[in-house]
Protein backbone atom coordinates (compact mmCIF):
# COMPACT_ATOMS: atom_id res chain seq x y z
CA MET A 1 156.23 83.51 -26.15
CA ASN A 2 152.72 83.31 -27.53
CA LEU A 3 152.00 79.87 -29.00
CA TYR A 4 149.38 81.32 -31.33
CA LYS A 5 151.62 83.79 -33.14
CA ALA A 6 153.57 83.01 -36.26
CA LYS A 7 156.52 85.22 -37.20
CA GLY A 8 155.23 88.75 -37.61
CA ASP A 9 151.55 87.78 -37.29
CA GLU A 10 149.08 89.17 -34.80
CA THR A 11 147.05 86.71 -32.78
CA LEU A 12 143.95 85.85 -34.77
CA PRO A 13 140.54 86.47 -33.28
CA TYR A 14 138.43 83.54 -32.04
CA LEU A 15 141.42 81.62 -30.69
CA ASN A 16 140.34 82.05 -27.07
CA ALA A 17 136.81 80.82 -27.78
CA THR A 18 138.13 77.79 -29.66
CA CYS A 19 140.70 77.03 -26.95
CA ASP A 20 138.03 77.22 -24.26
CA LEU A 21 135.80 74.93 -26.29
CA LEU A 22 138.56 72.37 -26.79
CA TYR A 23 139.39 72.40 -23.07
CA SER A 24 135.69 71.87 -22.31
CA LEU A 25 135.77 68.89 -24.66
CA GLY A 26 138.71 67.45 -22.71
CA VAL A 27 141.41 68.32 -25.26
CA THR A 28 144.52 69.98 -23.83
CA ALA A 29 147.28 72.01 -25.42
CA ASN A 30 149.84 69.21 -25.21
CA TYR A 31 148.49 67.82 -28.51
CA LYS A 32 149.78 69.28 -31.79
CA GLY A 33 146.24 69.03 -33.07
CA PHE A 34 145.12 71.51 -30.42
CA LEU A 35 147.07 74.32 -32.11
CA HIS A 36 146.20 73.08 -35.59
CA THR A 37 142.51 73.02 -34.71
CA THR A 38 142.44 76.48 -33.13
CA TYR A 39 144.21 78.03 -36.10
CA ALA A 40 142.02 76.18 -38.61
CA VAL A 41 138.84 77.42 -36.94
CA SER A 42 140.22 80.98 -36.94
CA LEU A 43 140.93 80.73 -40.67
CA CYS A 44 137.40 79.46 -41.25
CA MET A 45 136.01 82.41 -39.31
CA GLU A 46 137.80 84.70 -41.76
CA ARG A 47 136.56 82.76 -44.78
CA GLN A 48 133.90 80.12 -44.24
CA ASP A 49 134.27 78.51 -47.68
CA ARG A 50 137.59 77.03 -46.54
CA LEU A 51 135.47 74.24 -45.04
CA LEU A 52 134.42 73.20 -48.55
CA LEU A 53 137.89 72.19 -49.74
CA VAL A 54 139.93 71.60 -46.61
CA THR A 55 142.82 69.78 -48.30
CA LYS A 56 143.24 72.62 -50.78
CA TRP A 57 142.26 75.79 -48.87
CA LEU A 58 142.66 75.04 -45.17
CA TYR A 59 145.12 72.31 -44.21
CA PRO A 60 147.98 73.68 -46.36
CA ASP A 61 147.72 77.10 -44.64
CA VAL A 62 147.75 75.48 -41.21
CA ALA A 63 150.67 73.28 -42.27
CA ARG A 64 152.70 76.28 -43.47
CA ARG A 65 152.15 78.10 -40.20
CA TYR A 66 153.35 75.14 -38.12
CA GLY A 67 156.05 73.83 -40.46
CA THR A 68 154.49 70.50 -41.36
CA ASN A 69 152.42 69.00 -44.18
CA TRP A 70 148.66 68.96 -44.73
CA LYS A 71 148.40 65.22 -44.05
CA ALA A 72 149.89 65.68 -40.57
CA VAL A 73 147.46 68.53 -39.92
CA GLU A 74 144.50 66.35 -40.92
CA ARG A 75 145.74 63.45 -38.76
CA ASN A 76 146.32 65.72 -35.74
CA ILE A 77 142.86 67.28 -36.00
CA ARG A 78 141.36 63.79 -36.35
CA THR A 79 143.19 62.79 -33.15
CA VAL A 80 141.73 65.81 -31.35
CA SER A 81 138.27 64.84 -32.58
CA ARG A 82 138.73 61.32 -31.23
CA ILE A 83 139.89 62.66 -27.84
CA ALA A 84 136.83 64.93 -27.63
CA TRP A 85 134.62 61.94 -28.49
CA ILE A 86 136.16 59.88 -25.69
CA ARG A 87 136.39 62.56 -22.99
CA ASN A 88 133.21 64.61 -23.46
CA ARG A 89 130.87 62.98 -25.93
CA VAL A 90 127.85 64.66 -24.32
CA LEU A 91 129.17 68.17 -25.06
CA LEU A 92 130.31 67.14 -28.53
CA GLU A 93 126.83 65.82 -29.32
CA SER A 94 125.33 69.02 -27.94
CA LEU A 95 127.57 71.10 -30.21
CA ALA A 96 126.75 68.86 -33.18
CA GLN A 97 123.05 69.14 -32.28
CA ARG A 98 122.53 65.43 -32.88
CA PRO A 99 123.46 62.05 -31.43
CA LEU A 100 126.76 60.72 -32.74
CA ASP A 101 127.40 57.04 -33.39
CA ARG A 102 131.11 57.55 -34.12
CA HIS A 103 133.80 60.16 -33.63
CA LEU A 104 133.73 62.90 -36.24
CA CYS A 105 136.20 63.04 -39.09
CA SER A 106 138.44 66.10 -39.02
CA THR A 107 136.31 68.11 -41.46
CA GLU A 108 133.10 67.41 -39.55
CA PHE A 109 134.80 68.26 -36.27
CA LEU A 110 136.03 71.60 -37.64
CA ALA A 111 132.56 72.38 -38.98
CA VAL A 112 130.99 71.70 -35.57
CA LEU A 113 133.57 73.87 -33.79
CA PHE A 114 133.19 76.60 -36.39
CA HIS A 115 129.42 76.63 -35.91
CA ALA A 116 129.78 76.80 -32.12
CA VAL A 117 132.27 79.67 -32.20
CA TYR A 118 130.38 81.49 -34.96
CA SER A 119 127.07 81.13 -33.10
CA ALA A 120 128.60 82.45 -29.89
CA GLU A 121 130.11 85.42 -31.75
CA PHE A 122 126.78 86.16 -33.43
CA GLN A 123 124.98 86.03 -30.09
CA ASP A 124 127.56 88.38 -28.57
CA LEU A 125 127.05 90.86 -31.40
CA SER A 126 123.26 90.62 -31.15
CA SER A 127 123.21 91.17 -27.41
CA SER A 128 125.56 94.17 -27.62
CA LYS A 129 123.20 95.90 -30.08
CA SER A 130 120.21 95.53 -27.74
């Protein structure tokens, strides 16, 4: 069984890159927030403006997919952010491109992951055209 598939859905792109990034940050798949985060980043890759109104356009879609509510999604992503802060703050700061004096809130964390995955995808596309 593929953990990343909902009923009848195909696996969304960018999940592998996000999973690899989370593992590098010290976050493992035994946290609910791991799946919530990977799916949320994939949704943002499809439509970046979801990051502007996460409680309206992002968290409810993630919650529907995993059979929970948007508040649980936000809490679980916040937990993942805190774990990344504790286990690999150096990489997190590198991804954020700035020093961090606190762990990121869930929206900030998603934005940083989105940027990292998007940048990697853009670089892959650029190098394949050369």
